[in-house]
Amino acid sequence: MLSEHKRFSYSGINTRRSFEWPRGKRIAFYVALNIEHFPFGEGGGIDLDRETKPWSQRSWLWREYGNRVGGWRLANLFDDLELNVGVIVNAANYSHNPSLLERYRARGDEMIGHGISNGTKRPIDMTINEEIRMVAEVTKIMTEAEGKRPTGWLSSYLTPSPKTPDILSNAGYDYLLDWGLCDEQPFWIKTEGNDILTIPYPIELNDQPAIVGRGVSAEEYANMIIDQFDFLMDLKEAQPVVFPISLHSFIVGQPFRQKHLKRALSHILARRNEIWVTTPNEISTFYRLLPKETQLR
């Protein structure tokens, strides 16, 4: 007998009840921007041009570019495009570079929990009690800084433990992104407490695995985003979908990549009136108000 996760059942997208996003839209588009901090002198964190190795100053400084330069430039780009984003943030950034987070807070962007740091122990390697304490600490730091609790979560390095959904549900989170790689619609997953909503999150249109992992060029990455958007827009009698892209301030924050990112985002936003440009929390809030028989479980 093959093992099962028992969190949700299989569902083919063409077999589901249909619904509409606000104002009758069929595509909900959001941008996730990862703002991360890595402890100096400690292991962990992807490297630019090779398999991740033990800590080195060169890779730490490359990633720190996102906090010192890339993240600021991206905020300016999002201002120019009149685009709000979901900021997936390590809690360590609140003490390391709080002014950058204030820049996004002032824009009205959503802040999403992302662990303490991407250079510390992964959730999948933690004990249950360690992960519970980590989630509580992140929640406390973000609540004090933002004046409100975060509603969403993405585990650092997309490495949730088998207990992460239960821990997040018990901690009062509304949605998580960890399980969203397998679908283009939100769906509920079972936990030991209340079910928690999963929002789609990209692994293909994610600049880190695409550009760093697979060596896709900035131009190719932008073309991938455009091709996905155009294909989804051309679908006939399509199901309503979530179309996300995931960015990292130290990757697309580089100027030569921002040029192509701007081209891709401008292409999408030129049809702003035909899609719902949104954030993960807005998707979560809207979806849970749909008729129960429409929601996917």
C-alpha atoms as a PDB file:
ATOM      1  CA  MET A   1       0.000   0.000   0.000  1.00  0.00           C
ATOM      2  CA  LEU A   2       1.455   3.357  -1.010  1.00  0.00           C
ATOM      3  CA  SER A   3       1.729   5.966   1.706  1.00  0.00           C
ATOM      4  CA  GLU A   4      -0.690   8.933   1.633  1.00  0.00           C
ATOM      5  CA  HIS A   5      -0.482  12.390   3.175  1.00  0.00           C
ATOM      6  CA  LYS A   6      -4.248  12.399   4.004  1.00  0.00           C
ATOM      7  CA  ARG A   7      -4.358  16.196   3.863  1.00  0.00           C
ATOM      8  CA  PHE A   8      -6.590  16.470   0.759  1.00  0.00           C
ATOM      9  CA  SER A   9      -8.175  14.326  -1.941  1.00  0.00           C
ATOM     10  CA  TYR A  10      -7.390  14.258  -5.631  1.00  0.00           C
ATOM     11  CA  SER A  11      -9.405  16.633  -7.856  1.00  0.00           C
ATOM     12  CA  GLY A  12      -9.051  17.264 -11.602  1.00  0.00           C
ATOM     13  CA  ILE A  13      -9.504  20.918 -12.466  1.00  0.00           C
ATOM     14  CA  ASN A  14     -12.086  20.328 -15.214  1.00  0.00           C
ATOM     15  CA  THR A  15     -14.349  18.361 -12.832  1.00  0.00           C
ATOM     16  CA  ARG A  16     -14.850  21.191 -10.319  1.00  0.00           C
ATOM     17  CA  ARG A  17     -17.664  23.645  -9.772  1.00  0.00           C
ATOM     18  CA  SER A  18     -16.837  26.957 -11.377  1.00  0.00           C
ATOM     19  CA  PHE A  19     -16.830  30.359  -9.733  1.00  0.00           C
ATOM     20  CA  GLU A  20     -15.652  33.871 -10.528  1.00  0.00           C
ATOM     21  CA  TRP A  21     -13.117  36.182  -8.981  1.00  0.00           C
ATOM     22  CA  PRO A  22     -14.303  39.729  -8.173  1.00  0.00           C
ATOM     23  CA  ARG A  23     -16.040  41.548 -11.041  1.00  0.00           C
ATOM     24  CA  GLY A  24     -16.313  38.340 -13.027  1.00  0.00           C
ATOM     25  CA  LYS A  25     -12.573  37.925 -13.580  1.00  0.00           C
ATOM     26  CA  ARG A  26     -11.098  34.494 -14.389  1.00  0.00           C
ATOM     27  CA  ILE A  27      -7.451  35.100 -13.431  1.00  0.00           C
ATOM     28  CA  ALA A  28      -6.210  36.245 -10.021  1.00  0.00           C
ATOM     29  CA  PHE A  29      -2.645  37.505 -10.505  1.00  0.00           C
ATOM     30  CA  TYR A  30      -0.234  38.138  -7.649  1.00  0.00           C
ATOM     31  CA  VAL A  31       3.472  38.789  -7.207  1.00  0.00           C
ATOM     32  CA  ALA A  32       5.337  37.358  -4.214  1.00  0.00           C
ATOM     33  CA  LEU A  33       8.587  39.092  -3.302  1.00  0.00           C
ATOM     34  CA  ASN A  34      10.950  37.192  -0.989  1.00  0.00           C
ATOM     35  CA  ILE A  35      12.991  39.438   1.319  1.00  0.00           C
ATOM     36  CA  GLU A  36      15.423  37.233   3.218  1.00  0.00           C
ATOM     37  CA  HIS A  37      18.276  37.459   5.694  1.00  0.00           C
ATOM     38  CA  PHE A  38      21.105  34.984   6.207  1.00  0.00           C
ATOM     39  CA  PRO A  39      23.287  34.994   9.335  1.00  0.00           C
ATOM     40  CA  PHE A  40      26.863  36.022   8.615  1.00  0.00           C
ATOM     41  CA  GLY A  41      29.319  33.167   8.985  1.00  0.00           C
ATOM     42  CA  GLU A  42      26.723  30.390   9.173  1.00  0.00           C
ATOM     43  CA  GLY A  43      25.847  27.714   6.647  1.00  0.00           C
ATOM     44  CA  GLY A  44      22.757  27.607   4.463  1.00  0.00           C
ATOM     45  CA  GLY A  45      21.454  29.733   1.634  1.00  0.00           C
ATOM     46  CA  ILE A  46      21.606  29.137  -2.088  1.00  0.00           C
ATOM     47  CA  ASP A  47      24.779  30.131  -3.927  1.00  0.00           C
ATOM     48  CA  LEU A  48      24.898  32.029  -7.209  1.00  0.00           C
ATOM     49  CA  ASP A  49      26.540  29.642  -9.644  1.00  0.00           C
ATOM     50  CA  ARG A  50      27.017  26.289  -7.973  1.00  0.00           C
ATOM     51  CA  GLU A  51      25.500  23.717  -5.680  1.00  0.00           C
ATOM     52  CA  THR A  52      25.037  25.176  -2.204  1.00  0.00           C
ATOM     53  CA  LYS A  53      28.237  24.722  -0.241  1.00  0.00           C
ATOM     54  CA  PRO A  54      29.335  25.577   3.306  1.00  0.00           C
ATOM     55  CA  TRP A  55      29.159  29.271   4.129  1.00  0.00           C
ATOM     56  CA  SER A  56      31.246  31.725   2.115  1.00  0.00           C
ATOM     57  CA  GLN A  57      31.475  35.488   2.250  1.00  0.00           C
ATOM     58  CA  ARG A  58      30.931  35.860  -1.496  1.00  0.00           C
ATOM     59  CA  SER A  59      27.537  34.144  -1.448  1.00  0.00           C
ATOM     60  CA  TRP A  60      26.448  36.013   1.700  1.00  0.00           C
ATOM     61  CA  LEU A  61      27.321  39.362   0.110  1.00  0.00           C
ATOM     62  CA  TRP A  62      25.517  38.432  -3.112  1.00  0.00           C
ATOM     63  CA  ARG A  63      22.343  37.723  -1.165  1.00  0.00           C
ATOM     64  CA  GLU A  64      22.753  40.853   0.977  1.00  0.00           C
ATOM     65  CA  TYR A  65      22.581  42.910  -2.239  1.00  0.00           C
ATOM     66  CA  GLY A  66      18.847  42.271  -2.182  1.00  0.00           C
ATOM     67  CA  ASN A  67      18.473  44.016   1.181  1.00  0.00           C
ATOM     68  CA  ARG A  68      20.774  46.942   0.405  1.00  0.00           C
ATOM     69  CA  VAL A  69      19.909  47.623  -3.244  1.00  0.00           C
ATOM     70  CA  GLY A  70      17.638  45.166  -5.054  1.00  0.00           C
ATOM     71  CA  GLY A  71      14.674  45.390  -2.716  1.00  0.00           C
ATOM     72  CA  TRP A  72      14.694  49.185  -2.874  1.00  0.00           C
ATOM     73  CA  ARG A  73      14.833  49.246  -6.665  1.00  0.00           C
ATOM     74  CA  LEU A  74      12.000  46.737  -6.909  1.00  0.00           C
ATOM     75  CA  ALA A  75       9.839  48.912  -4.646  1.00  0.00           C
ATOM     76  CA  ASN A  76      10.382  51.779  -7.091  1.00  0.00           C
ATOM     77  CA  LEU A  77       9.451  49.522  -9.996  1.00  0.00           C
ATOM     78  CA  PHE A  78       6.262  48.382  -8.245  1.00  0.00           C
ATOM     79  CA  ASP A  79       5.419  52.032  -7.560  1.00  0.00           C
ATOM     80  CA  ASP A  80       5.802  52.852 -11.250  1.00  0.00           C
ATOM     81  CA  LEU A  81       3.535  49.928 -12.165  1.00  0.00           C
ATOM     82  CA  GLU A  82       0.997  50.710  -9.396  1.00  0.00           C
ATOM     83  CA  LEU A  83       1.335  47.121  -8.211  1.00  0.00           C
ATOM     84  CA  ASN A  84       0.941  45.843  -4.651  1.00  0.00           C
ATOM     85  CA  VAL A  85       2.751  42.615  -3.777  1.00  0.00           C
ATOM     86  CA  GLY A  86       2.891  39.945  -1.096  1.00  0.00           C
ATOM     87  CA  VAL A  87       6.193  40.292   0.776  1.00  0.00           C
ATOM     88  CA  ILE A  88       7.444  36.926   2.033  1.00  0.00           C
ATOM     89  CA  VAL A  89       9.776  38.013   4.810  1.00  0.00           C
ATOM     90  CA  ASN A  90      12.187  36.378   7.234  1.00  0.00           C
ATOM     91  CA  ALA A  91      11.519  37.711  10.735  1.00  0.00           C
ATOM     92  CA  ALA A  92      15.242  38.483  11.108  1.00  0.00           C
ATOM     93  CA  ASN A  93      14.812  41.273   8.550  1.00  0.00           C
ATOM     94  CA  TYR A  94      12.795  43.259  11.100  1.00  0.00           C
ATOM     95  CA  SER A  95      15.988  43.840  13.076  1.00  0.00           C
ATOM     96  CA  HIS A  96      18.522  43.583  10.231  1.00  0.00           C
ATOM     97  CA  ASN A  97      17.013  46.022   7.707  1.00  0.00           C
ATOM     98  CA  PRO A  98      13.760  47.464   9.115  1.00  0.00           C
ATOM     99  CA  SER A  99      13.812  50.510   6.826  1.00  0.00           C
ATOM    100  CA  LEU A 100      13.359  48.290   3.751  1.00  0.00           C
ATOM    101  CA  LEU A 101      10.321  46.650   5.324  1.00  0.00           C
ATOM    102  CA  GLU A 102       8.962  50.084   6.218  1.00  0.00           C
ATOM    103  CA  ARG A 103       9.275  50.989   2.520  1.00  0.00           C
ATOM    104  CA  TYR A 104       6.952  48.110   1.600  1.00  0.00           C
ATOM    105  CA  ARG A 105       4.672  48.678   4.585  1.00  0.00           C
ATOM    106  CA  ALA A 106       4.162  52.279   3.460  1.00  0.00           C
ATOM    107  CA  ARG A 107       3.144  50.956   0.040  1.00  0.00           C
ATOM    108  CA  GLY A 108       0.347  48.907   1.623  1.00  0.00           C
ATOM    109  CA  ASP A 109       1.885  45.550   0.718  1.00  0.00           C
ATOM    110  CA  GLU A 110       1.025  42.321   2.540  1.00  0.00           C
ATOM    111  CA  MET A 111       3.626  40.800   4.887  1.00  0.00           C
ATOM    112  CA  ILE A 112       3.773  36.982   4.884  1.00  0.00           C
ATOM    113  CA  GLY A 113       5.587  34.835   7.470  1.00  0.00           C
ATOM    114  CA  HIS A 114       8.718  33.035   6.252  1.00  0.00           C
ATOM    115  CA  GLY A 115      10.496  31.711   9.338  1.00  0.00           C
ATOM    116  CA  ILE A 116      13.298  33.433  11.218  1.00  0.00           C
ATOM    117  CA  SER A 117      15.991  33.187   8.555  1.00  0.00           C
ATOM    118  CA  ASN A 118      16.766  31.160   5.450  1.00  0.00           C
ATOM    119  CA  GLY A 119      20.187  30.387   6.898  1.00  0.00           C
ATOM    120  CA  THR A 120      18.930  28.656  10.036  1.00  0.00           C
ATOM    121  CA  LYS A 121      17.499  25.199  10.645  1.00  0.00           C
ATOM    122  CA  ARG A 122      14.812  24.162   8.162  1.00  0.00           C
ATOM    123  CA  PRO A 123      11.330  23.288   9.481  1.00  0.00           C
ATOM    124  CA  ILE A 124      11.645  19.779   8.059  1.00  0.00           C
ATOM    125  CA  ASP A 125      14.703  19.256  10.296  1.00  0.00           C
ATOM    126  CA  MET A 126      13.096  20.684  13.459  1.00  0.00           C
ATOM    127  CA  THR A 127      11.383  18.829  16.253  1.00  0.00           C
ATOM    128  CA  ILE A 128       7.687  19.626  16.686  1.00  0.00           C
ATOM    129  CA  ASN A 129       8.399  21.781  19.725  1.00  0.00           C
ATOM    130  CA  GLU A 130      11.173  23.648  17.916  1.00  0.00           C
ATOM    131  CA  GLU A 131       8.854  24.460  15.040  1.00  0.00           C
ATOM    132  CA  ILE A 132       6.031  25.533  17.366  1.00  0.00           C
ATOM    133  CA  ARG A 133       8.411  27.924  19.138  1.00  0.00           C
ATOM    134  CA  MET A 134       9.749  29.225  15.826  1.00  0.00           C
ATOM    135  CA  VAL A 135       6.253  29.971  14.464  1.00  0.00           C
ATOM    136  CA  ALA A 136       5.307  31.694  17.719  1.00  0.00           C
ATOM    137  CA  GLU A 137       8.458  33.830  17.633  1.00  0.00           C
ATOM    138  CA  VAL A 138       7.921  34.859  14.010  1.00  0.00           C
ATOM    139  CA  THR A 139       4.289  35.714  14.726  1.00  0.00           C
ATOM    140  CA  LYS A 140       5.260  37.836  17.733  1.00  0.00           C
ATOM    141  CA  ILE A 141       7.964  39.758  15.846  1.00  0.00           C
ATOM    142  CA  MET A 142       5.720  40.474  12.873  1.00  0.00           C
ATOM    143  CA  THR A 143       2.689  41.411  14.961  1.00  0.00           C
ATOM    144  CA  GLU A 144       4.663  43.895  17.031  1.00  0.00           C
ATOM    145  CA  ALA A 145       6.252  45.457  13.937  1.00  0.00           C
ATOM    146  CA  GLU A 146       3.174  45.527  11.709  1.00  0.00           C
ATOM    147  CA  GLY A 147       0.518  46.242  14.308  1.00  0.00           C
ATOM    148  CA  LYS A 148      -1.440  43.192  13.139  1.00  0.00           C
ATOM    149  CA  ARG A 149      -0.926  39.452  12.863  1.00  0.00           C
ATOM    150  CA  PRO A 150       0.270  37.908   9.610  1.00  0.00           C
ATOM    151  CA  THR A 151      -2.401  35.760   7.997  1.00  0.00           C
ATOM    152  CA  GLY A 152      -0.215  33.738   5.611  1.00  0.00           C
ATOM    153  CA  TRP A 153       2.911  31.603   5.699  1.00  0.00           C
ATOM    154  CA  LEU A 154       5.573  30.115   3.438  1.00  0.00           C
ATOM    155  CA  SER A 155       8.116  27.837   5.095  1.00  0.00           C
ATOM    156  CA  SER A 156      11.729  28.794   4.500  1.00  0.00           C
ATOM    157  CA  TYR A 157      13.167  26.991   1.478  1.00  0.00           C
ATOM    158  CA  LEU A 158       9.724  25.474   0.885  1.00  0.00           C
ATOM    159  CA  THR A 159      10.663  22.783   3.401  1.00  0.00           C
ATOM    160  CA  PRO A 160       7.672  22.368   5.723  1.00  0.00           C
ATOM    161  CA  SER A 161       7.672  19.529   8.189  1.00  0.00           C
ATOM    162  CA  PRO A 162       4.862  16.935   8.193  1.00  0.00           C
ATOM    163  CA  LYS A 163       3.341  18.892  11.104  1.00  0.00           C
ATOM    164  CA  THR A 164       3.564  22.419   9.650  1.00  0.00           C
ATOM    165  CA  PRO A 165      -0.126  22.700   8.601  1.00  0.00           C
ATOM    166  CA  ASP A 166      -1.244  21.612  12.081  1.00  0.00           C
ATOM    167  CA  ILE A 167       1.117  24.057  13.779  1.00  0.00           C
ATOM    168  CA  LEU A 168       0.017  26.971  11.576  1.00  0.00           C
ATOM    169  CA  SER A 169      -3.667  26.189  12.014  1.00  0.00           C
ATOM    170  CA  ASN A 170      -3.272  26.041  15.794  1.00  0.00           C
ATOM    171  CA  ALA A 171      -1.331  29.332  15.668  1.00  0.00           C
ATOM    172  CA  GLY A 172      -4.250  31.068  13.954  1.00  0.00           C
ATOM    173  CA  TYR A 173      -2.951  31.398  10.385  1.00  0.00           C
ATOM    174  CA  ASP A 174      -5.550  31.621   7.621  1.00  0.00           C
ATOM    175  CA  TYR A 175      -3.553  30.236   4.716  1.00  0.00           C
ATOM    176  CA  LEU A 176      -0.249  28.696   3.707  1.00  0.00           C
ATOM    177  CA  LEU A 177       1.642  28.569   0.429  1.00  0.00           C
ATOM    178  CA  ASP A 178       3.740  25.439   1.068  1.00  0.00           C
ATOM    179  CA  TRP A 179       1.233  23.031  -0.489  1.00  0.00           C
ATOM    180  CA  GLY A 180       0.174  25.294  -3.364  1.00  0.00           C
ATOM    181  CA  LEU A 181       2.641  24.016  -5.967  1.00  0.00           C
ATOM    182  CA  CYS A 182       0.235  21.325  -7.204  1.00  0.00           C
ATOM    183  CA  ASP A 183      -2.731  23.445  -8.291  1.00  0.00           C
ATOM    184  CA  GLU A 184      -3.930  26.689  -9.850  1.00  0.00           C
ATOM    185  CA  GLN A 185      -6.865  27.107  -7.466  1.00  0.00           C
ATOM    186  CA  PRO A 186      -7.023  27.466  -3.682  1.00  0.00           C
ATOM    187  CA  PHE A 187      -8.025  24.373  -1.742  1.00  0.00           C
ATOM    188  CA  TRP A 188      -8.507  23.360   1.886  1.00  0.00           C
ATOM    189  CA  ILE A 189      -6.240  20.862   3.612  1.00  0.00           C
ATOM    190  CA  LYS A 190      -7.021  18.904   6.735  1.00  0.00           C
ATOM    191  CA  THR A 191      -5.221  19.590   9.998  1.00  0.00           C
ATOM    192  CA  GLU A 192      -5.529  18.408  13.570  1.00  0.00           C
ATOM    193  CA  GLY A 193      -7.550  21.573  14.249  1.00  0.00           C
ATOM    194  CA  ASN A 194      -9.444  23.717  11.757  1.00  0.00           C
ATOM    195  CA  ASP A 195      -8.741  23.113   8.079  1.00  0.00           C
ATOM    196  CA  ILE A 196      -6.316  25.629   6.569  1.00  0.00           C
ATOM    197  CA  LEU A 197      -6.506  27.127   3.101  1.00  0.00           C
ATOM    198  CA  THR A 198      -3.744  26.573   0.566  1.00  0.00           C
ATOM    199  CA  ILE A 199      -3.049  29.315  -1.991  1.00  0.00           C
ATOM    200  CA  PRO A 200      -1.214  28.447  -5.243  1.00  0.00           C
ATOM    201  CA  TYR A 201       2.485  29.300  -5.238  1.00  0.00           C
ATOM    202  CA  PRO A 202       4.880  28.855  -8.174  1.00  0.00           C
ATOM    203  CA  ILE A 203       7.939  26.651  -8.434  1.00  0.00           C
ATOM    204  CA  GLU A 204       8.378  27.028 -12.219  1.00  0.00           C
ATOM    205  CA  LEU A 205       7.835  30.795 -12.405  1.00  0.00           C
ATOM    206  CA  ASN A 206      10.023  31.300  -9.362  1.00  0.00           C
ATOM    207  CA  ASP A 207      13.198  33.219 -10.160  1.00  0.00           C
ATOM    208  CA  GLN A 208      15.394  31.225  -7.766  1.00  0.00           C
ATOM    209  CA  PRO A 209      15.006  27.707  -9.221  1.00  0.00           C
ATOM    210  CA  ALA A 210      14.622  29.100 -12.745  1.00  0.00           C
ATOM    211  CA  ILE A 211      17.502  31.560 -12.922  1.00  0.00           C
ATOM    212  CA  VAL A 212      19.904  30.169 -10.331  1.00  0.00           C
ATOM    213  CA  GLY A 213      18.995  26.489 -10.462  1.00  0.00           C
ATOM    214  CA  ARG A 214      18.317  25.967 -14.167  1.00  0.00           C
ATOM    215  CA  GLY A 215      20.364  28.823 -15.607  1.00  0.00           C
ATOM    216  CA  VAL A 216      17.454  30.537 -17.353  1.00  0.00           C
ATOM    217  CA  SER A 217      18.410  34.011 -18.600  1.00  0.00           C
ATOM    218  CA  ALA A 218      16.594  37.159 -17.498  1.00  0.00           C
ATOM    219  CA  GLU A 219      15.078  37.480 -20.961  1.00  0.00           C
ATOM    220  CA  GLU A 220      13.939  33.854 -20.975  1.00  0.00           C
ATOM    221  CA  TYR A 221      12.438  34.191 -17.511  1.00  0.00           C
ATOM    222  CA  ALA A 222      10.412  37.224 -18.584  1.00  0.00           C
ATOM    223  CA  ASN A 223       9.278  35.362 -21.704  1.00  0.00           C
ATOM    224  CA  MET A 224       8.151  32.434 -19.539  1.00  0.00           C
ATOM    225  CA  ILE A 225       5.962  34.769 -17.480  1.00  0.00           C
ATOM    226  CA  ILE A 226       4.481  36.335 -20.615  1.00  0.00           C
ATOM    227  CA  ASP A 227       3.872  32.957 -22.284  1.00  0.00           C
ATOM    228  CA  GLN A 228       2.086  31.596 -19.206  1.00  0.00           C
ATOM    229  CA  PHE A 229      -0.110  34.676 -18.975  1.00  0.00           C
ATOM    230  CA  ASP A 230      -0.988  34.672 -22.676  1.00  0.00           C
ATOM    231  CA  PHE A 231      -1.839  30.966 -22.626  1.00  0.00           C
ATOM    232  CA  LEU A 232      -4.099  31.323 -19.579  1.00  0.00           C
ATOM    233  CA  MET A 233      -5.839  34.313 -21.133  1.00  0.00           C
ATOM    234  CA  ASP A 234      -6.484  32.339 -24.325  1.00  0.00           C
ATOM    235  CA  LEU A 235      -8.101  29.361 -22.602  1.00  0.00           C
ATOM    236  CA  LYS A 236     -11.691  28.886 -23.677  1.00  0.00           C
ATOM    237  CA  GLU A 237     -14.319  28.421 -20.960  1.00  0.00           C
ATOM    238  CA  ALA A 238     -11.478  28.238 -18.489  1.00  0.00           C
ATOM    239  CA  GLN A 239     -11.762  27.556 -14.809  1.00  0.00           C
ATOM    240  CA  PRO A 240     -10.867  30.538 -12.609  1.00  0.00           C
ATOM    241  CA  VAL A 241      -7.200  30.279 -11.659  1.00  0.00           C
ATOM    242  CA  VAL A 242      -4.515  31.893  -9.560  1.00  0.00           C
ATOM    243  CA  PHE A 243      -1.476  32.991 -11.553  1.00  0.00           C
ATOM    244  CA  PRO A 244       1.438  33.756  -9.191  1.00  0.00           C
ATOM    245  CA  ILE A 245       5.059  34.616  -9.779  1.00  0.00           C
ATOM    246  CA  SER A 246       7.734  34.478  -7.083  1.00  0.00           C
ATOM    247  CA  LEU A 247      10.705  36.848  -6.971  1.00  0.00           C
ATOM    248  CA  HIS A 248      13.767  37.306  -4.753  1.00  0.00           C
ATOM    249  CA  SER A 249      15.229  40.743  -4.116  1.00  0.00           C
ATOM    250  CA  PHE A 250      18.802  39.531  -4.626  1.00  0.00           C
ATOM    251  CA  ILE A 251      18.011  37.831  -7.963  1.00  0.00           C
ATOM    252  CA  VAL A 252      15.592  39.952 -10.029  1.00  0.00           C
ATOM    253  CA  GLY A 253      16.741  42.958  -8.003  1.00  0.00           C
ATOM    254  CA  GLN A 254      19.797  42.997 -10.268  1.00  0.00           C
ATOM    255  CA  PRO A 255      19.353  45.829 -12.838  1.00  0.00           C
ATOM    256  CA  PHE A 256      19.826  43.696 -15.962  1.00  0.00           C
ATOM    257  CA  ARG A 257      17.080  41.370 -14.740  1.00  0.00           C
ATOM    258  CA  GLN A 258      14.758  44.173 -13.623  1.00  0.00           C
ATOM    259  CA  LYS A 259      14.677  45.433 -17.195  1.00  0.00           C
ATOM    260  CA  HIS A 260      13.103  42.172 -18.367  1.00  0.00           C
ATOM    261  CA  LEU A 261      10.905  41.809 -15.287  1.00  0.00           C
ATOM    262  CA  LYS A 262       9.435  45.245 -16.033  1.00  0.00           C
ATOM    263  CA  ARG A 263       8.703  44.114 -19.592  1.00  0.00           C
ATOM    264  CA  ALA A 264       6.851  41.020 -18.361  1.00  0.00           C
ATOM    265  CA  LEU A 265       4.853  42.837 -15.680  1.00  0.00           C
ATOM    266  CA  SER A 266       3.966  45.660 -18.059  1.00  0.00           C
ATOM    267  CA  HIS A 267       2.666  43.093 -20.550  1.00  0.00           C
ATOM    268  CA  ILE A 268       0.365  41.612 -17.915  1.00  0.00           C
ATOM    269  CA  LEU A 269      -0.776  44.907 -16.410  1.00  0.00           C
ATOM    270  CA  ALA A 270      -1.667  46.277 -19.838  1.00  0.00           C
ATOM    271  CA  ARG A 271      -4.700  43.992 -19.461  1.00  0.00           C
ATOM    272  CA  ARG A 272      -5.322  44.959 -15.840  1.00  0.00           C
ATOM    273  CA  ASN A 273      -9.034  45.505 -16.517  1.00  0.00           C
ATOM    274  CA  GLU A 274      -9.411  41.862 -17.568  1.00  0.00           C
ATOM    275  CA  ILE A 275      -7.749  40.234 -14.536  1.00  0.00           C
ATOM    276  CA  TRP A 276      -7.802  40.570 -10.763  1.00  0.00           C
ATOM    277  CA  VAL A 277      -4.460  42.016  -9.644  1.00  0.00           C
ATOM    278  CA  THR A 278      -4.307  41.042  -5.998  1.00  0.00           C
ATOM    279  CA  THR A 279      -2.363  39.574  -3.057  1.00  0.00           C
ATOM    280  CA  PRO A 280      -2.528  36.169  -1.336  1.00  0.00           C
ATOM    281  CA  ASN A 281      -4.472  37.493   1.656  1.00  0.00           C
ATOM    282  CA  GLU A 282      -7.088  39.074  -0.610  1.00  0.00           C
ATOM    283  CA  ILE A 283      -7.437  35.741  -2.446  1.00  0.00           C
ATOM    284  CA  SER A 284      -7.840  33.925   0.880  1.00  0.00           C
ATOM    285  CA  THR A 285     -10.435  36.411   2.130  1.00  0.00           C
ATOM    286  CA  PHE A 286     -12.490  36.249  -1.072  1.00  0.00           C
ATOM    287  CA  TYR A 287     -12.302  32.480  -1.509  1.00  0.00           C
ATOM    288  CA  ARG A 288     -13.540  31.599   1.959  1.00  0.00           C
ATOM    289  CA  LEU A 289     -16.677  33.710   1.329  1.00  0.00           C
ATOM    290  CA  LEU A 290     -17.648  31.662  -1.736  1.00  0.00           C
ATOM    291  CA  PRO A 291     -20.514  29.162  -1.341  1.00  0.00           C
ATOM    292  CA  LYS A 292     -19.285  26.103   0.558  1.00  0.00           C
ATOM    293  CA  GLU A 293     -20.151  23.750  -2.291  1.00  0.00           C
ATOM    294  CA  THR A 294     -17.844  25.730  -4.574  1.00  0.00           C
ATOM    295  CA  GLN A 295     -14.799  25.570  -2.319  1.00  0.00           C
ATOM    296  CA  LEU A 296     -12.347  22.748  -3.000  1.00  0.00           C
ATOM    297  CA  ARG A 297     -11.646  20.258  -0.193  1.00  0.00           C
END
